[in-house]
C-alpha atoms as a PDB file:
ATOM      1  CA  MET A   1      17.837  -3.296  14.165  1.00  0.00           C
ATOM      2  CA  GLY A   2      16.749   0.012  12.695  1.00  0.00           C
ATOM      3  CA  MET A   3      13.683   2.651  12.963  1.00  0.00           C
ATOM      4  CA  GLU A   4      13.272   1.643   9.111  1.00  0.00           C
ATOM      5  CA  LEU A   5      13.022  -2.014   9.569  1.00  0.00           C
ATOM      6  CA  GLU A   6      11.096  -1.792  12.817  1.00  0.00           C
ATOM      7  CA  ASP A   7       8.567  -0.442  11.334  1.00  0.00           C
ATOM      8  CA  THR A   8       7.899  -3.410   9.488  1.00  0.00           C
ATOM      9  CA  LEU A   9       7.633  -5.875  12.096  1.00  0.00           C
ATOM     10  CA  TYR A  10       4.688  -8.133  12.367  1.00  0.00           C
ATOM     11  CA  ARG A  11       3.798  -8.238  16.448  1.00  0.00           C
ATOM     12  CA  PHE A  12       0.986  -9.587  18.252  1.00  0.00           C
ATOM     13  CA  ILE A  13      -0.174 -10.052  21.987  1.00  0.00           C
ATOM     14  CA  ASP A  14       0.445 -13.253  23.968  1.00  0.00           C
ATOM     15  CA  ARG A  15      -1.886 -14.786  26.422  1.00  0.00           C
ATOM     16  CA  GLU A  16       0.165 -13.469  29.103  1.00  0.00           C
ATOM     17  CA  GLY A  17       0.246  -9.456  27.588  1.00  0.00           C
ATOM     18  CA  ASN A  18       3.946 -10.063  26.342  1.00  0.00           C
ATOM     19  CA  ILE A  19       4.158  -8.220  22.747  1.00  0.00           C
ATOM     20  CA  LEU A  20       6.083 -10.178  20.383  1.00  0.00           C
ATOM     21  CA  ALA A  21       7.188 -10.147  16.986  1.00  0.00           C
ATOM     22  CA  LEU A  22       7.845 -12.355  14.032  1.00  0.00           C
ATOM     23  CA  ARG A  23      11.560 -12.105  13.071  1.00  0.00           C
ATOM     24  CA  PRO A  24      12.203  -9.683  10.168  1.00  0.00           C
ATOM     25  CA  GLU A  25      15.934 -10.231   9.911  1.00  0.00           C
ATOM     26  CA  PHE A  26      18.639 -12.006  11.206  1.00  0.00           C
ATOM     27  CA  THR A  27      21.457  -9.619  11.996  1.00  0.00           C
ATOM     28  CA  SER A  28      20.167  -9.073  15.483  1.00  0.00           C
ATOM     29  CA  LEU A  29      19.827 -12.670  16.438  1.00  0.00           C
ATOM     30  CA  VAL A  30      23.142 -13.248  15.280  1.00  0.00           C
ATOM     31  CA  ALA A  31      24.305 -10.344  17.497  1.00  0.00           C
ATOM     32  CA  LYS A  32      22.563 -11.786  20.762  1.00  0.00           C
ATOM     33  CA  SER A  33      23.733 -14.826  20.102  1.00  0.00           C
ATOM     34  CA  VAL A  34      27.552 -13.408  20.101  1.00  0.00           C
ATOM     35  CA  ALA A  35      26.971 -11.391  23.121  1.00  0.00           C
ATOM     36  CA  THR A  36      25.278 -14.406  25.216  1.00  0.00           C
ATOM     37  CA  ARG A  37      27.299 -17.323  23.939  1.00  0.00           C
ATOM     38  CA  LEU A  38      30.362 -16.209  22.090  1.00  0.00           C
ATOM     39  CA  ALA A  39      31.639 -13.201  24.038  1.00  0.00           C
ATOM     40  CA  ASP A  40      34.746 -14.885  24.746  1.00  0.00           C
ATOM     41  CA  GLN A  41      35.367 -16.354  21.903  1.00  0.00           C
ATOM     42  CA  PRO A  42      38.526 -14.961  19.465  1.00  0.00           C
ATOM     43  CA  LYS A  43      37.523 -12.369  17.384  1.00  0.00           C
ATOM     44  CA  PRO A  44      36.742 -11.685  14.700  1.00  0.00           C
ATOM     45  CA  LEU A  45      33.964 -14.267  14.385  1.00  0.00           C
ATOM     46  CA  ARG A  46      32.719 -14.944  10.774  1.00  0.00           C
ATOM     47  CA  LEU A  47      29.234 -16.276  11.266  1.00  0.00           C
ATOM     48  CA  CYS A  48      26.947 -17.224   8.072  1.00  0.00           C
ATOM     49  CA  TYR A  49      22.991 -17.829   8.223  1.00  0.00           C
ATOM     50  CA  CYS A  50      19.898 -18.913   6.250  1.00  0.00           C
ATOM     51  CA  GLY A  51      16.619 -18.426   7.190  1.00  0.00           C
ATOM     52  CA  GLU A  52      13.120 -17.258   6.860  1.00  0.00           C
ATOM     53  CA  VAL A  53      12.138 -13.993   8.057  1.00  0.00           C
ATOM     54  CA  LEU A  54       8.693 -12.097   7.776  1.00  0.00           C
ATOM     55  CA  ARG A  55       7.896  -8.002   7.463  1.00  0.00           C
ATOM     56  CA  TYR A  56       4.809  -6.186   7.193  1.00  0.00           C
ATOM     57  CA  GLU A  57       5.427  -4.212   4.307  1.00  0.00           C
ATOM     58  CA  THR A  58       3.757  -3.619   0.589  1.00  0.00           C
ATOM     59  CA  PRO A  59       4.695  -6.515  -1.817  1.00  0.00           C
ATOM     60  CA  ARG A  60       6.277  -4.247  -4.471  1.00  0.00           C
ATOM     61  CA  GLY A  61       9.268  -3.487  -6.368  1.00  0.00           C
ATOM     62  CA  GLY A  62      10.880  -6.960  -5.569  1.00  0.00           C
ATOM     63  CA  ARG A  63       9.653  -6.312  -1.911  1.00  0.00           C
ATOM     64  CA  GLN A  64       8.354  -9.391  -0.251  1.00  0.00           C
ATOM     65  CA  ARG A  65       6.410 -10.199   3.222  1.00  0.00           C
ATOM     66  CA  GLU A  66       7.747 -13.366   3.619  1.00  0.00           C
ATOM     67  CA  PHE A  67      11.451 -14.546   2.280  1.00  0.00           C
ATOM     68  CA  PHE A  68      14.432 -16.597   2.569  1.00  0.00           C
ATOM     69  CA  GLN A  69      17.640 -14.441   4.005  1.00  0.00           C
ATOM     70  CA  ILE A  70      21.349 -15.729   3.685  1.00  0.00           C
ATOM     71  CA  GLY A  71      24.209 -13.874   4.816  1.00  0.00           C
ATOM     72  CA  LEU A  72      27.295 -13.484   6.640  1.00  0.00           C
ATOM     73  CA  GLU A  73      28.490 -11.180   9.766  1.00  0.00           C
ATOM     74  CA  ASN A  74      31.732 -10.300  10.517  1.00  0.00           C
ATOM     75  CA  ILE A  75      31.845  -9.511  14.412  1.00  0.00           C
ATOM     76  CA  GLY A  76      35.171  -8.087  16.125  1.00  0.00           C
ATOM     77  CA  GLY A  77      36.666  -7.043  12.830  1.00  0.00           C
ATOM     78  CA  GLU A  78      37.326  -3.257  13.132  1.00  0.00           C
ATOM     79  CA  ASN A  79      39.168  -1.965  10.258  1.00  0.00           C
ATOM     80  CA  VAL A  80      38.674  -1.443   6.287  1.00  0.00           C
ATOM     81  CA  ARG A  81      39.914  -4.925   5.761  1.00  0.00           C
ATOM     82  CA  SER A  82      36.825  -6.420   7.421  1.00  0.00           C
ATOM     83  CA  ASP A  83      34.655  -4.198   5.107  1.00  0.00           C
ATOM     84  CA  ALA A  84      36.208  -5.234   2.128  1.00  0.00           C
ATOM     85  CA  GLU A  85      36.498  -9.053   3.340  1.00  0.00           C
ATOM     86  CA  VAL A  86      32.451  -9.143   3.497  1.00  0.00           C
ATOM     87  CA  ILE A  87      32.157  -7.075  -0.002  1.00  0.00           C
ATOM     88  CA  LEU A  88      34.248  -9.643  -1.695  1.00  0.00           C
ATOM     89  CA  VAL A  89      32.693 -12.558  -0.024  1.00  0.00           C
ATOM     90  CA  ALA A  90      29.548 -11.169  -1.196  1.00  0.00           C
ATOM     91  CA  ILE A  91      31.427 -10.742  -5.117  1.00  0.00           C
ATOM     92  CA  GLU A  92      32.496 -14.148  -5.163  1.00  0.00           C
ATOM     93  CA  SER A  93      29.471 -15.960  -3.926  1.00  0.00           C
ATOM     94  CA  LEU A  94      27.743 -14.181  -6.988  1.00  0.00           C
ATOM     95  CA  LYS A  95      30.516 -15.559  -9.188  1.00  0.00           C
ATOM     96  CA  LYS A  96      30.135 -18.980  -7.926  1.00  0.00           C
ATOM     97  CA  LEU A  97      26.163 -18.925  -8.950  1.00  0.00           C
ATOM     98  CA  GLY A  98      27.400 -18.080 -12.262  1.00  0.00           C
ATOM     99  CA  ILE A  99      26.607 -14.035 -11.743  1.00  0.00           C
ATOM    100  CA  ARG A 100      28.867 -11.851 -13.306  1.00  0.00           C
ATOM    101  CA  LYS A 101      27.259  -8.855 -14.451  1.00  0.00           C
ATOM    102  CA  PHE A 102      26.315  -6.851 -11.100  1.00  0.00           C
ATOM    103  CA  GLN A 103      27.335  -3.529  -9.586  1.00  0.00           C
ATOM    104  CA  ILE A 104      28.033  -2.757  -5.751  1.00  0.00           C
ATOM    105  CA  ASN A 105      26.600   0.831  -4.866  1.00  0.00           C
ATOM    106  CA  LEU A 106      29.062   1.725  -2.052  1.00  0.00           C
ATOM    107  CA  GLY A 107      28.361   4.646  -0.019  1.00  0.00           C
ATOM    108  CA  GLU A 108      29.291   5.831   3.773  1.00  0.00           C
ATOM    109  CA  ILE A 109      26.595   6.601   5.862  1.00  0.00           C
ATOM    110  CA  GLY A 110      28.511   9.003   8.125  1.00  0.00           C
ATOM    111  CA  TYR A 111      28.693  11.603   4.849  1.00  0.00           C
ATOM    112  CA  PHE A 112      25.056  11.926   5.281  1.00  0.00           C
ATOM    113  CA  ALA A 113      24.955  11.895   8.749  1.00  0.00           C
ATOM    114  CA  GLY A 114      27.422  14.763   8.775  1.00  0.00           C
ATOM    115  CA  ILE A 115      25.679  16.917   6.656  1.00  0.00           C
ATOM    116  CA  VAL A 116      22.071  16.491   8.782  1.00  0.00           C
ATOM    117  CA  GLU A 117      23.295  16.430  12.146  1.00  0.00           C
ATOM    118  CA  ARG A 118      23.149  20.494  12.815  1.00  0.00           C
ATOM    119  CA  ILE A 119      19.905  20.400  10.886  1.00  0.00           C
ATOM    120  CA  ASP A 120      16.781  20.370  13.206  1.00  0.00           C
ATOM    121  CA  PHE A 121      14.501  17.432  11.336  1.00  0.00           C
ATOM    122  CA  SER A 122      11.894  15.599  12.924  1.00  0.00           C
ATOM    123  CA  ARG A 123      11.896  12.003  12.487  1.00  0.00           C
ATOM    124  CA  GLU A 124       9.353  11.946   9.732  1.00  0.00           C
ATOM    125  CA  ASP A 125      10.652  14.800   7.856  1.00  0.00           C
ATOM    126  CA  LEU A 126      13.990  13.080   7.998  1.00  0.00           C
ATOM    127  CA  SER A 127      12.517  10.024   6.525  1.00  0.00           C
ATOM    128  CA  LYS A 128      10.582  11.970   3.921  1.00  0.00           C
ATOM    129  CA  ILE A 129      14.252  13.233   2.920  1.00  0.00           C
ATOM    130  CA  LYS A 130      15.668   9.992   2.942  1.00  0.00           C
ATOM    131  CA  THR A 131      13.425   8.484   0.932  1.00  0.00           C
ATOM    132  CA  LEU A 132      13.504  11.302  -1.972  1.00  0.00           C
ATOM    133  CA  ILE A 133      17.281  10.907  -1.984  1.00  0.00           C
ATOM    134  CA  ASP A 134      16.957   6.976  -2.423  1.00  0.00           C
ATOM    135  CA  LEU A 135      14.027   7.860  -5.029  1.00  0.00           C
ATOM    136  CA  LYS A 136      16.584  10.215  -6.491  1.00  0.00           C
ATOM    137  CA  ASP A 137      13.344  12.554  -6.944  1.00  0.00           C
ATOM    138  CA  VAL A 138      15.133  15.554  -7.416  1.00  0.00           C
ATOM    139  CA  VAL A 139      11.563  17.698  -7.983  1.00  0.00           C
ATOM    140  CA  GLY A 140      10.042  16.112  -4.954  1.00  0.00           C
ATOM    141  CA  LEU A 141      13.269  16.780  -3.094  1.00  0.00           C
ATOM    142  CA  LYS A 142      13.437  20.333  -3.901  1.00  0.00           C
ATOM    143  CA  SER A 143       9.282  20.837  -2.935  1.00  0.00           C
ATOM    144  CA  GLU A 144      10.093  19.015   0.347  1.00  0.00           C
ATOM    145  CA  MET A 145      13.360  21.273   1.390  1.00  0.00           C
ATOM    146  CA  ASP A 146      10.915  24.715   0.300  1.00  0.00           C
ATOM    147  CA  ARG A 147       8.298  23.350   3.010  1.00  0.00           C
ATOM    148  CA  LEU A 148      10.819  22.747   5.710  1.00  0.00           C
ATOM    149  CA  ASN A 149      12.402  26.328   4.765  1.00  0.00           C
ATOM    150  CA  LEU A 150      16.248  25.172   4.380  1.00  0.00           C
ATOM    151  CA  SER A 151      19.125  27.282   3.577  1.00  0.00           C
ATOM    152  CA  GLU A 152      19.916  27.902  -0.370  1.00  0.00           C
ATOM    153  CA  ARG A 153      23.405  26.028   0.965  1.00  0.00           C
ATOM    154  CA  ARG A 154      22.112  23.180   2.637  1.00  0.00           C
ATOM    155  CA  GLN A 155      19.586  22.567  -0.173  1.00  0.00           C
ATOM    156  CA  HIS A 156      22.509  22.581  -2.895  1.00  0.00           C
ATOM    157  CA  ILE A 157      24.501  20.176  -0.638  1.00  0.00           C
ATOM    158  CA  ILE A 158      21.306  17.661  -0.023  1.00  0.00           C
ATOM    159  CA  LEU A 159      20.230  17.954  -4.028  1.00  0.00           C
ATOM    160  CA  SER A 160      24.046  17.106  -5.241  1.00  0.00           C
ATOM    161  CA  LEU A 161      23.717  13.766  -2.984  1.00  0.00           C
ATOM    162  CA  VAL A 162      21.623  12.595  -5.988  1.00  0.00           C
ATOM    163  CA  HIS A 163      24.509  13.184  -8.779  1.00  0.00           C
ATOM    164  CA  LEU A 164      26.961  11.670  -6.438  1.00  0.00           C
ATOM    165  CA  THR A 165      27.845   7.980  -8.341  1.00  0.00           C
ATOM    166  CA  GLY A 166      30.145   6.920 -10.537  1.00  0.00           C
ATOM    167  CA  ASP A 167      33.712   6.117  -9.808  1.00  0.00           C
ATOM    168  CA  GLY A 168      36.160   6.870  -7.192  1.00  0.00           C
ATOM    169  CA  SER A 169      36.587  10.446  -8.540  1.00  0.00           C
ATOM    170  CA  VAL A 170      32.592  11.141  -6.863  1.00  0.00           C
ATOM    171  CA  ILE A 171      34.958  10.950  -3.384  1.00  0.00           C
ATOM    172  CA  GLN A 172      36.836  13.908  -4.357  1.00  0.00           C
ATOM    173  CA  THR A 173      33.665  15.545  -5.472  1.00  0.00           C
ATOM    174  CA  GLY A 174      31.877  15.009  -2.007  1.00  0.00           C
ATOM    175  CA  ARG A 175      35.000  16.848  -0.184  1.00  0.00           C
ATOM    176  CA  HIS A 176      34.788  19.772  -2.224  1.00  0.00           C
ATOM    177  CA  LEU A 177      30.826  20.289  -1.411  1.00  0.00           C
ATOM    178  CA  VAL A 178      31.309  19.845   2.584  1.00  0.00           C
ATOM    179  CA  SER A 179      33.321  21.182   5.585  1.00  0.00           C
ATOM    180  CA  ASN A 180      32.080  19.268   8.508  1.00  0.00           C
ATOM    181  CA  GLU A 181      34.578  16.840   9.993  1.00  0.00           C
ATOM    182  CA  LYS A 182      32.362  13.857  10.135  1.00  0.00           C
ATOM    183  CA  SER A 183      31.790  14.064   6.511  1.00  0.00           C
ATOM    184  CA  HIS A 184      35.259  14.439   5.779  1.00  0.00           C
ATOM    185  CA  GLN A 185      36.169  11.519   7.891  1.00  0.00           C
ATOM    186  CA  ALA A 186      33.527   9.315   6.457  1.00  0.00           C
ATOM    187  CA  LEU A 187      35.153  10.068   3.105  1.00  0.00           C
ATOM    188  CA  ASN A 188      38.484   8.988   4.161  1.00  0.00           C
ATOM    189  CA  ASN A 189      36.910   5.971   5.304  1.00  0.00           C
ATOM    190  CA  LEU A 190      35.214   5.087   2.116  1.00  0.00           C
ATOM    191  CA  GLU A 191      38.213   6.049   0.061  1.00  0.00           C
ATOM    192  CA  ASN A 192      40.303   3.630   2.013  1.00  0.00           C
ATOM    193  CA  LEU A 193      37.788   0.933   1.585  1.00  0.00           C
ATOM    194  CA  TYR A 194      37.742   1.763  -2.257  1.00  0.00           C
ATOM    195  CA  GLU A 195      41.401   1.485  -2.296  1.00  0.00           C
ATOM    196  CA  GLU A 196      41.480  -2.129  -0.734  1.00  0.00           C
ATOM    197  CA  LEU A 197      39.192  -3.111  -3.114  1.00  0.00           C
ATOM    198  CA  LYS A 198      41.201  -2.000  -6.002  1.00  0.00           C
ATOM    199  CA  ARG A 199      44.034  -3.731  -4.748  1.00  0.00           C
ATOM    200  CA  HIS A 200      42.051  -6.935  -4.937  1.00  0.00           C
ATOM    201  CA  LYS A 201      40.841  -6.199  -8.484  1.00  0.00           C
ATOM    202  CA  MET A 202      37.672  -5.961  -7.611  1.00  0.00           C
ATOM    203  CA  ASP A 203      36.701  -1.890  -8.464  1.00  0.00           C
ATOM    204  CA  GLU A 204      35.149  -2.995 -11.422  1.00  0.00           C
ATOM    205  CA  PHE A 205      31.880  -3.923  -9.612  1.00  0.00           C
ATOM    206  CA  ILE A 206      32.109  -0.696  -7.459  1.00  0.00           C
ATOM    207  CA  THR A 207      29.691   2.082  -7.991  1.00  0.00           C
ATOM    208  CA  ILE A 208      30.689   5.047  -5.702  1.00  0.00           C
ATOM    209  CA  ASP A 209      27.462   6.222  -4.267  1.00  0.00           C
ATOM    210  CA  LEU A 210      27.038   9.104  -2.047  1.00  0.00           C
ATOM    211  CA  SER A 211      23.311   9.193  -2.004  1.00  0.00           C
ATOM    212  CA  GLU A 212      23.223   5.694  -0.377  1.00  0.00           C
ATOM    213  CA  VAL A 213      21.536   7.153   2.958  1.00  0.00           C
ATOM    214  CA  ARG A 214      18.702   4.593   4.049  1.00  0.00           C
ATOM    215  CA  GLY A 215      19.900   2.662   7.654  1.00  0.00           C
ATOM    216  CA  LEU A 216      21.214   6.383   9.065  1.00  0.00           C
ATOM    217  CA  ASP A 217      19.830   5.186  12.529  1.00  0.00           C
ATOM    218  CA  TYR A 218      21.484   1.535  11.867  1.00  0.00           C
ATOM    219  CA  TYR A 219      24.649   1.762  10.014  1.00  0.00           C
ATOM    220  CA  THR A 220      27.510   3.723  11.229  1.00  0.00           C
ATOM    221  CA  GLY A 221      29.919   3.514   8.111  1.00  0.00           C
ATOM    222  CA  SER A 222      30.181   1.569   5.159  1.00  0.00           C
ATOM    223  CA  ILE A 223      26.946   0.585   3.457  1.00  0.00           C
ATOM    224  CA  PHE A 224      26.303  -0.808   0.117  1.00  0.00           C
ATOM    225  CA  LYS A 225      23.660  -2.304  -2.204  1.00  0.00           C
ATOM    226  CA  ILE A 226      24.142  -4.940  -4.907  1.00  0.00           C
ATOM    227  CA  TYR A 227      22.210  -4.521  -8.403  1.00  0.00           C
ATOM    228  CA  VAL A 228      22.619  -6.670 -11.595  1.00  0.00           C
ATOM    229  CA  PRO A 229      20.925  -5.351 -14.880  1.00  0.00           C
ATOM    230  CA  GLY A 230      17.432  -4.824 -15.754  1.00  0.00           C
ATOM    231  CA  LEU A 231      16.038  -5.727 -12.182  1.00  0.00           C
ATOM    232  CA  GLY A 232      14.676  -2.838 -10.888  1.00  0.00           C
ATOM    233  CA  PHE A 233      15.526  -3.410  -6.895  1.00  0.00           C
ATOM    234  CA  GLU A 234      18.801  -4.391  -5.056  1.00  0.00           C
ATOM    235  CA  ILE A 235      19.284  -8.571  -4.646  1.00  0.00           C
ATOM    236  CA  GLY A 236      21.166  -7.817  -1.801  1.00  0.00           C
ATOM    237  CA  GLY A 237      23.251  -5.481   0.870  1.00  0.00           C
ATOM    238  CA  GLY A 238      25.027  -4.595   3.765  1.00  0.00           C
ATOM    239  CA  GLY A 239      27.282  -2.568   5.633  1.00  0.00           C
ATOM    240  CA  ARG A 240      29.269  -1.492   9.249  1.00  0.00           C
ATOM    241  CA  TYR A 241      27.066  -1.523  12.282  1.00  0.00           C
ATOM    242  CA  ASP A 242      29.295  -0.927  15.238  1.00  0.00           C
ATOM    243  CA  ASN A 243      26.752  -0.007  17.578  1.00  0.00           C
ATOM    244  CA  LEU A 244      24.314  -3.120  17.565  1.00  0.00           C
ATOM    245  CA  LEU A 245      25.779  -5.365  19.938  1.00  0.00           C
ATOM    246  CA  LYS A 246      25.763  -2.669  22.675  1.00  0.00           C
ATOM    247  CA  ASN A 247      21.932  -3.235  22.804  1.00  0.00           C
ATOM    248  CA  PHE A 248      23.049  -6.801  24.444  1.00  0.00           C
ATOM    249  CA  GLY A 249      25.781  -5.446  26.775  1.00  0.00           C
ATOM    250  CA  CYS A 250      28.704  -6.230  24.557  1.00  0.00           C
ATOM    251  CA  ASP A 251      31.214  -3.413  22.577  1.00  0.00           C
ATOM    252  CA  PHE A 252      32.289  -5.299  19.301  1.00  0.00           C
ATOM    253  CA  PRO A 253      32.409  -3.400  15.990  1.00  0.00           C
ATOM    254  CA  ALA A 254      30.787  -5.224  13.334  1.00  0.00           C
ATOM    255  CA  VAL A 255      29.830  -5.387   9.302  1.00  0.00           C
ATOM    256  CA  GLY A 256      28.097  -7.964   7.278  1.00  0.00           C
ATOM    257  CA  PHE A 257      25.407  -8.561   4.383  1.00  0.00           C
ATOM    258  CA  SER A 258      22.690 -10.482   3.111  1.00  0.00           C
ATOM    259  CA  PHE A 259      21.045 -11.798   0.050  1.00  0.00           C
ATOM    260  CA  SER A 260      17.244 -12.566  -0.221  1.00  0.00           C
ATOM    261  CA  LEU A 261      17.378 -16.034  -1.932  1.00  0.00           C
ATOM    262  CA  GLU A 262      14.006 -15.625  -3.653  1.00  0.00           C
ATOM    263  CA  ARG A 263      15.433 -12.395  -5.651  1.00  0.00           C
ATOM    264  CA  LEU A 264      18.947 -14.825  -6.486  1.00  0.00           C
ATOM    265  CA  MET A 265      16.474 -17.048  -8.217  1.00  0.00           C
ATOM    266  CA  SER A 266      14.410 -14.757  -9.932  1.00  0.00           C
ATOM    267  CA  LEU A 267      17.485 -13.955 -12.177  1.00  0.00           C
ATOM    268  CA  GLU A 268      17.692 -17.566 -13.268  1.00  0.00           C
ATOM    269  CA  SER A 269      13.942 -17.027 -14.454  1.00  0.00           C
END
């Protein structure tokens, strides 16, 4: 679970003084189950789930404090085919529901990680920068970076993220913008994933979006959000999170996605 999601936990103390929390998502529970019950099973494991989750956040912009989450996890799949498989399942699921007009914004968290790894951001400052990029608030982003006294070069790179959205050519544009190895490796991974999706003739649903920067402390590779026209928030999303199972004593790569059932149902209304 990333820090952004951890901040939405409902916490309380039981009679013995233990700190308890209500379930905010399923992926961590799946990871724990794999580590404690399924670690010796052949990989990759393909697991699905559906259930209620609760998050302490302001109900606005499609956000709810209580909703049903449905999703799947691929545990043990370490190559680009596993990432593509998860995205293809998401696409086919929407088609089965009769939803034909949707867009998957696909990015790679390593690109942004490479850009900021040598900048001494506090947690609060980095969170604000990510929020402003996510909102594509160019004016607010410029003001915040001025306050932090970032160099013109770094400001130019970070401001450019807001506009790095489009077809596969965005990947090459992103390459010309940076010189660090981590960002370039991330773009290589993203390009391979995009080519795999093109091979399955699913690139019509894909928009490359290098401004996908949320979840920096959780995701380790591909990251995506799913949108439909006329709805101002995503109906689902996911990505690669290779470090999560290490928290439970296992070192398995993993990738997955989830939908909000309520958001899917709202499309019919």
